[in-house]
Amino acid sequence: MPKRGMKPIRRQQLIDAAIASIHEHGFSSATVARIARKAGVSTGIVHHYFTDKTDLLAATMRAMLDVLRREAVERMRSAKTPTDRIYAIIHASYGDAQFAEEVFSAWLALYGNARESEKLQRILRIYHRRLHSNLVHSLIPLIGRERAPDVALGIGALIDGLWLRYALTGRPVDAEVPRAMTRAYADAMIAA
């Protein structure tokens, strides 16, 4: 029987192997057997921790969102103003971890398969609600409760859209470019 401390380590090992396998082989060819091989374990171990490939994919998505959430929280801790908080969210959304090639592949697979999985759709809804809520909370003192949701939606769409463009065409030479574009949009909407 594995020690309690091994479960999170083993789960993370399998998630890392899933991300790498999706990047190397594409989602449909990233079989449980390939993921297990990549992790250096048997398929039985994968099925011990995850009921099926979709369950592993959902855990992978949650883990990637947790990385994003931790970076945003860390950046927001040092924010002094609502604008600083918005900038912190923008910076975290375009952080180095979000522009890793393997992460691009995994996110694209996750988005592409979400339409067929209620579990994956639920995780995406949580991500979108959290992003929207954090932006609205920071925007209200700047532009009021009435405009904040629409401006938050625009900032979120720009974050997702620019990130998707880079995921499809390759990481930006300078991550400050999409950050600056998104900050400029937020500044323009706040000033309007």
C-alpha atoms as a PDB file:
ATOM      1  CA  MET A   1       0.000   0.000   0.000  1.00  0.00           C
ATOM      2  CA  PRO A   2       1.511   3.406  -0.940  1.00  0.00           C
ATOM      3  CA  LYS A   3       2.221   5.873   1.810  1.00  0.00           C
ATOM      4  CA  ARG A   4      -0.136   8.844   2.029  1.00  0.00           C
ATOM      5  CA  GLY A   5       2.576  11.233   0.840  1.00  0.00           C
ATOM      6  CA  MET A   6       3.033   9.231  -2.367  1.00  0.00           C
ATOM      7  CA  LYS A   7      -0.501   9.830  -3.711  1.00  0.00           C
ATOM      8  CA  PRO A   8      -0.028  13.540  -4.611  1.00  0.00           C
ATOM      9  CA  ILE A   9       3.458  12.818  -5.973  1.00  0.00           C
ATOM     10  CA  ARG A  10       2.241   9.896  -8.111  1.00  0.00           C
ATOM     11  CA  ARG A  11      -0.812  11.861  -9.348  1.00  0.00           C
ATOM     12  CA  GLN A  12       1.441  14.778 -10.353  1.00  0.00           C
ATOM     13  CA  GLN A  13       3.814  12.363 -12.086  1.00  0.00           C
ATOM     14  CA  LEU A  14       0.899  11.002 -14.136  1.00  0.00           C
ATOM     15  CA  ILE A  15      -0.381  14.509 -14.918  1.00  0.00           C
ATOM     16  CA  ASP A  16       3.094  15.543 -16.090  1.00  0.00           C
ATOM     17  CA  ALA A  17       3.263  12.402 -18.232  1.00  0.00           C
ATOM     18  CA  ALA A  18      -0.183  13.176 -19.703  1.00  0.00           C
ATOM     19  CA  ILE A  19       0.915  16.708 -20.632  1.00  0.00           C
ATOM     20  CA  ALA A  20       4.102  15.397 -22.257  1.00  0.00           C
ATOM     21  CA  SER A  21       2.254  12.596 -24.087  1.00  0.00           C
ATOM     22  CA  ILE A  22      -0.417  14.961 -25.428  1.00  0.00           C
ATOM     23  CA  HIS A  23       2.358  17.251 -26.682  1.00  0.00           C
ATOM     24  CA  GLU A  24       4.291  14.415 -28.327  1.00  0.00           C
ATOM     25  CA  HIS A  25       1.431  12.354 -29.773  1.00  0.00           C
ATOM     26  CA  GLY A  26      -1.699  14.528 -29.784  1.00  0.00           C
ATOM     27  CA  PHE A  27      -4.672  13.920 -27.547  1.00  0.00           C
ATOM     28  CA  SER A  28      -6.236  10.981 -29.383  1.00  0.00           C
ATOM     29  CA  SER A  29      -2.921   9.139 -29.587  1.00  0.00           C
ATOM     30  CA  ALA A  30      -1.956   9.887 -25.983  1.00  0.00           C
ATOM     31  CA  THR A  31      -3.344   6.597 -24.757  1.00  0.00           C
ATOM     32  CA  VAL A  32      -3.355   5.515 -21.135  1.00  0.00           C
ATOM     33  CA  ALA A  33      -0.636   2.980 -22.071  1.00  0.00           C
ATOM     34  CA  ARG A  34       1.582   5.743 -23.545  1.00  0.00           C
ATOM     35  CA  ILE A  35       0.985   7.977 -20.544  1.00  0.00           C
ATOM     36  CA  ALA A  36       1.842   5.115 -18.209  1.00  0.00           C
ATOM     37  CA  ARG A  37       5.016   4.357 -20.175  1.00  0.00           C
ATOM     38  CA  LYS A  38       5.995   8.034 -20.064  1.00  0.00           C
ATOM     39  CA  ALA A  39       5.496   8.045 -16.291  1.00  0.00           C
ATOM     40  CA  GLY A  40       7.403   4.768 -15.929  1.00  0.00           C
ATOM     41  CA  VAL A  41       4.463   2.942 -14.356  1.00  0.00           C
ATOM     42  CA  SER A  42       1.949   0.275 -15.319  1.00  0.00           C
ATOM     43  CA  THR A  43      -1.462   1.110 -16.785  1.00  0.00           C
ATOM     44  CA  GLY A  44      -2.897  -0.385 -13.593  1.00  0.00           C
ATOM     45  CA  ILE A  45      -1.292   2.442 -11.613  1.00  0.00           C
ATOM     46  CA  VAL A  46      -2.919   5.004 -13.916  1.00  0.00           C
ATOM     47  CA  HIS A  47      -6.306   3.347 -13.388  1.00  0.00           C
ATOM     48  CA  HIS A  48      -5.681   3.247  -9.636  1.00  0.00           C
ATOM     49  CA  TYR A  49      -5.576   7.054  -9.559  1.00  0.00           C
ATOM     50  CA  PHE A  50      -7.898   7.906 -12.463  1.00  0.00           C
ATOM     51  CA  THR A  51     -11.052   6.147 -13.650  1.00  0.00           C
ATOM     52  CA  ASP A  52     -10.313   6.782 -17.327  1.00  0.00           C
ATOM     53  CA  LYS A  53      -8.494   9.052 -19.764  1.00  0.00           C
ATOM     54  CA  THR A  54     -11.103  11.821 -19.375  1.00  0.00           C
ATOM     55  CA  ASP A  55     -10.650  11.735 -15.602  1.00  0.00           C
ATOM     56  CA  LEU A  56      -6.874  12.081 -16.079  1.00  0.00           C
ATOM     57  CA  LEU A  57      -7.458  14.908 -18.572  1.00  0.00           C
ATOM     58  CA  ALA A  58      -9.722  16.685 -16.060  1.00  0.00           C
ATOM     59  CA  ALA A  59      -7.080  16.328 -13.352  1.00  0.00           C
ATOM     60  CA  THR A  60      -4.504  17.672 -15.805  1.00  0.00           C
ATOM     61  CA  MET A  61      -6.684  20.679 -16.553  1.00  0.00           C
ATOM     62  CA  ARG A  62      -7.244  21.345 -12.833  1.00  0.00           C
ATOM     63  CA  ALA A  63      -3.497  21.125 -12.200  1.00  0.00           C
ATOM     64  CA  MET A  64      -2.729  23.588 -15.008  1.00  0.00           C
ATOM     65  CA  LEU A  65      -5.415  25.961 -13.731  1.00  0.00           C
ATOM     66  CA  ASP A  66      -3.943  25.690 -10.253  1.00  0.00           C
ATOM     67  CA  VAL A  67      -0.554  26.829 -11.571  1.00  0.00           C
ATOM     68  CA  LEU A  68      -2.269  29.823 -13.181  1.00  0.00           C
ATOM     69  CA  ARG A  69      -4.286  30.562 -10.026  1.00  0.00           C
ATOM     70  CA  ARG A  70      -1.236  30.406  -7.755  1.00  0.00           C
ATOM     71  CA  GLU A  71       0.698  32.802  -9.986  1.00  0.00           C
ATOM     72  CA  ALA A  72      -2.230  35.235 -10.108  1.00  0.00           C
ATOM     73  CA  VAL A  73      -2.732  35.104  -6.333  1.00  0.00           C
ATOM     74  CA  GLU A  74       0.987  35.639  -5.746  1.00  0.00           C
ATOM     75  CA  ARG A  75       1.023  38.664  -8.044  1.00  0.00           C
ATOM     76  CA  MET A  76      -2.196  40.103  -6.600  1.00  0.00           C
ATOM     77  CA  ARG A  77      -0.792  39.924  -3.063  1.00  0.00           C
ATOM     78  CA  SER A  78       1.634  42.707  -3.864  1.00  0.00           C
ATOM     79  CA  ALA A  79      -0.948  44.795  -5.764  1.00  0.00           C
ATOM     80  CA  LYS A  80      -1.669  48.113  -4.054  1.00  0.00           C
ATOM     81  CA  THR A  81      -4.504  49.387  -6.280  1.00  0.00           C
ATOM     82  CA  PRO A  82      -7.383  47.891  -8.287  1.00  0.00           C
ATOM     83  CA  THR A  83      -5.427  48.648 -11.474  1.00  0.00           C
ATOM     84  CA  ASP A  84      -2.425  46.781 -10.047  1.00  0.00           C
ATOM     85  CA  ARG A  85      -4.711  43.793  -9.415  1.00  0.00           C
ATOM     86  CA  ILE A  86      -5.922  43.840 -13.016  1.00  0.00           C
ATOM     87  CA  TYR A  87      -2.324  44.029 -14.241  1.00  0.00           C
ATOM     88  CA  ALA A  88      -1.404  41.115 -11.937  1.00  0.00           C
ATOM     89  CA  ILE A  89      -4.115  38.958 -13.501  1.00  0.00           C
ATOM     90  CA  ILE A  90      -2.966  39.945 -16.986  1.00  0.00           C
ATOM     91  CA  HIS A  91       0.680  39.190 -16.184  1.00  0.00           C
ATOM     92  CA  ALA A  92      -0.158  35.788 -14.687  1.00  0.00           C
ATOM     93  CA  SER A  93      -2.302  34.912 -17.709  1.00  0.00           C
ATOM     94  CA  TYR A  94       0.696  35.495 -19.968  1.00  0.00           C
ATOM     95  CA  GLY A  95       3.258  34.047 -17.563  1.00  0.00           C
ATOM     96  CA  ASP A  96       6.152  31.893 -18.732  1.00  0.00           C
ATOM     97  CA  ALA A  97       4.407  28.705 -17.587  1.00  0.00           C
ATOM     98  CA  GLN A  98       1.419  29.523 -19.815  1.00  0.00           C
ATOM     99  CA  PHE A  99       3.648  29.820 -22.904  1.00  0.00           C
ATOM    100  CA  ALA A 100       5.434  26.458 -22.581  1.00  0.00           C
ATOM    101  CA  GLU A 101       4.985  24.345 -25.729  1.00  0.00           C
ATOM    102  CA  GLU A 102       3.732  21.320 -23.766  1.00  0.00           C
ATOM    103  CA  VAL A 103       1.195  23.526 -21.979  1.00  0.00           C
ATOM    104  CA  PHE A 104      -0.012  24.871 -25.344  1.00  0.00           C
ATOM    105  CA  SER A 105      -0.609  21.316 -26.557  1.00  0.00           C
ATOM    106  CA  ALA A 106      -2.384  20.227 -23.399  1.00  0.00           C
ATOM    107  CA  TRP A 107      -4.649  23.293 -23.231  1.00  0.00           C
ATOM    108  CA  LEU A 108      -5.608  22.954 -26.893  1.00  0.00           C
ATOM    109  CA  ALA A 109      -6.483  19.294 -26.308  1.00  0.00           C
ATOM    110  CA  LEU A 110      -8.478  20.170 -23.234  1.00  0.00           C
ATOM    111  CA  TYR A 111     -10.425  22.936 -24.976  1.00  0.00           C
ATOM    112  CA  GLY A 112     -10.992  20.732 -28.002  1.00  0.00           C
ATOM    113  CA  ASN A 113     -12.434  17.905 -25.931  1.00  0.00           C
ATOM    114  CA  ALA A 114     -14.490  20.002 -23.527  1.00  0.00           C
ATOM    115  CA  ARG A 115     -17.497  20.043 -25.855  1.00  0.00           C
ATOM    116  CA  GLU A 116     -17.832  16.283 -25.380  1.00  0.00           C
ATOM    117  CA  SER A 117     -17.247  16.139 -21.629  1.00  0.00           C
ATOM    118  CA  GLU A 118     -19.423  17.729 -18.968  1.00  0.00           C
ATOM    119  CA  LYS A 119     -16.542  17.314 -16.513  1.00  0.00           C
ATOM    120  CA  LEU A 120     -14.168  19.320 -18.727  1.00  0.00           C
ATOM    121  CA  GLN A 121     -16.870  21.917 -19.470  1.00  0.00           C
ATOM    122  CA  ARG A 122     -17.398  22.393 -15.730  1.00  0.00           C
ATOM    123  CA  ILE A 123     -13.683  23.006 -15.184  1.00  0.00           C
ATOM    124  CA  LEU A 124     -13.616  25.577 -18.005  1.00  0.00           C
ATOM    125  CA  ARG A 125     -16.682  27.311 -16.552  1.00  0.00           C
ATOM    126  CA  ILE A 126     -14.933  27.550 -13.190  1.00  0.00           C
ATOM    127  CA  TYR A 127     -11.859  29.069 -14.856  1.00  0.00           C
ATOM    128  CA  HIS A 128     -13.928  31.615 -16.793  1.00  0.00           C
ATOM    129  CA  ARG A 129     -16.037  32.528 -13.751  1.00  0.00           C
ATOM    130  CA  ARG A 130     -12.934  32.971 -11.587  1.00  0.00           C
ATOM    131  CA  LEU A 131     -11.200  35.163 -14.177  1.00  0.00           C
ATOM    132  CA  HIS A 132     -14.350  37.219 -14.712  1.00  0.00           C
ATOM    133  CA  SER A 133     -15.050  37.576 -10.981  1.00  0.00           C
ATOM    134  CA  ASN A 134     -11.506  38.701 -10.168  1.00  0.00           C
ATOM    135  CA  LEU A 135     -11.566  41.255 -12.961  1.00  0.00           C
ATOM    136  CA  VAL A 136     -15.037  42.568 -12.046  1.00  0.00           C
ATOM    137  CA  HIS A 137     -14.012  42.911  -8.394  1.00  0.00           C
ATOM    138  CA  SER A 138     -11.020  45.046  -9.399  1.00  0.00           C
ATOM    139  CA  LEU A 139     -12.941  47.037 -12.009  1.00  0.00           C
ATOM    140  CA  ILE A 140     -15.913  48.090  -9.850  1.00  0.00           C
ATOM    141  CA  PRO A 141     -14.021  50.769  -7.873  1.00  0.00           C
ATOM    142  CA  LEU A 142     -12.612  52.121 -11.151  1.00  0.00           C
ATOM    143  CA  ILE A 143     -15.649  52.161 -13.464  1.00  0.00           C
ATOM    144  CA  GLY A 144     -18.663  51.165 -11.396  1.00  0.00           C
ATOM    145  CA  ARG A 145     -20.787  48.067 -11.050  1.00  0.00           C
ATOM    146  CA  GLU A 146     -22.732  48.602 -14.271  1.00  0.00           C
ATOM    147  CA  ARG A 147     -19.772  48.643 -16.719  1.00  0.00           C
ATOM    148  CA  ALA A 148     -17.448  46.273 -14.871  1.00  0.00           C
ATOM    149  CA  PRO A 149     -18.902  42.967 -16.197  1.00  0.00           C
ATOM    150  CA  ASP A 150     -18.658  44.011 -19.857  1.00  0.00           C
ATOM    151  CA  VAL A 151     -15.125  45.364 -19.492  1.00  0.00           C
ATOM    152  CA  ALA A 152     -14.107  42.205 -17.598  1.00  0.00           C
ATOM    153  CA  LEU A 153     -15.554  40.116 -20.427  1.00  0.00           C
ATOM    154  CA  GLY A 154     -13.500  42.100 -22.956  1.00  0.00           C
ATOM    155  CA  ILE A 155     -10.275  41.725 -20.977  1.00  0.00           C
ATOM    156  CA  GLY A 156     -10.913  37.983 -20.548  1.00  0.00           C
ATOM    157  CA  ALA A 157     -11.647  37.560 -24.256  1.00  0.00           C
ATOM    158  CA  LEU A 158      -8.455  39.389 -25.173  1.00  0.00           C
ATOM    159  CA  ILE A 159      -6.430  37.215 -22.765  1.00  0.00           C
ATOM    160  CA  ASP A 160      -7.921  34.012 -24.178  1.00  0.00           C
ATOM    161  CA  GLY A 161      -7.744  35.207 -27.787  1.00  0.00           C
ATOM    162  CA  LEU A 162      -4.127  36.331 -27.714  1.00  0.00           C
ATOM    163  CA  TRP A 163      -3.098  33.224 -25.797  1.00  0.00           C
ATOM    164  CA  LEU A 164      -4.871  31.058 -28.399  1.00  0.00           C
ATOM    165  CA  ARG A 165      -3.148  32.880 -31.236  1.00  0.00           C
ATOM    166  CA  TYR A 166       0.253  32.166 -29.647  1.00  0.00           C
ATOM    167  CA  ALA A 167      -0.732  28.561 -28.905  1.00  0.00           C
ATOM    168  CA  LEU A 168      -1.442  28.079 -32.610  1.00  0.00           C
ATOM    169  CA  THR A 169       1.483  30.062 -34.031  1.00  0.00           C
ATOM    170  CA  GLY A 170       4.225  29.750 -31.403  1.00  0.00           C
ATOM    171  CA  ARG A 171       5.201  31.448 -28.167  1.00  0.00           C
ATOM    172  CA  PRO A 172       5.778  35.189 -28.324  1.00  0.00           C
ATOM    173  CA  VAL A 173       9.357  36.399 -28.640  1.00  0.00           C
ATOM    174  CA  ASP A 174       8.568  38.748 -25.759  1.00  0.00           C
ATOM    175  CA  ALA A 175       5.677  37.943 -23.391  1.00  0.00           C
ATOM    176  CA  GLU A 176       5.511  41.634 -22.538  1.00  0.00           C
ATOM    177  CA  VAL A 177       3.877  42.281 -25.945  1.00  0.00           C
ATOM    178  CA  PRO A 178       0.530  40.544 -25.167  1.00  0.00           C
ATOM    179  CA  ARG A 179       0.672  41.876 -21.599  1.00  0.00           C
ATOM    180  CA  ALA A 180       1.106  45.455 -22.865  1.00  0.00           C
ATOM    181  CA  MET A 181      -1.679  45.040 -25.440  1.00  0.00           C
ATOM    182  CA  THR A 182      -4.082  43.750 -22.790  1.00  0.00           C
ATOM    183  CA  ARG A 183      -3.105  46.436 -20.274  1.00  0.00           C
ATOM    184  CA  ALA A 184      -3.643  49.092 -22.979  1.00  0.00           C
ATOM    185  CA  TYR A 185      -7.132  47.704 -23.669  1.00  0.00           C
ATOM    186  CA  ALA A 186      -7.947  47.674 -19.927  1.00  0.00           C
ATOM    187  CA  ASP A 187      -6.605  51.238 -19.538  1.00  0.00           C
ATOM    188  CA  ALA A 188      -8.656  52.451 -22.505  1.00  0.00           C
ATOM    189  CA  MET A 189     -11.831  50.854 -21.169  1.00  0.00           C
ATOM    190  CA  ILE A 190     -11.246  52.285 -17.693  1.00  0.00           C
ATOM    191  CA  ALA A 191     -10.614  55.754 -19.140  1.00  0.00           C
ATOM    192  CA  ALA A 192     -13.657  55.679 -21.463  1.00  0.00           C
END
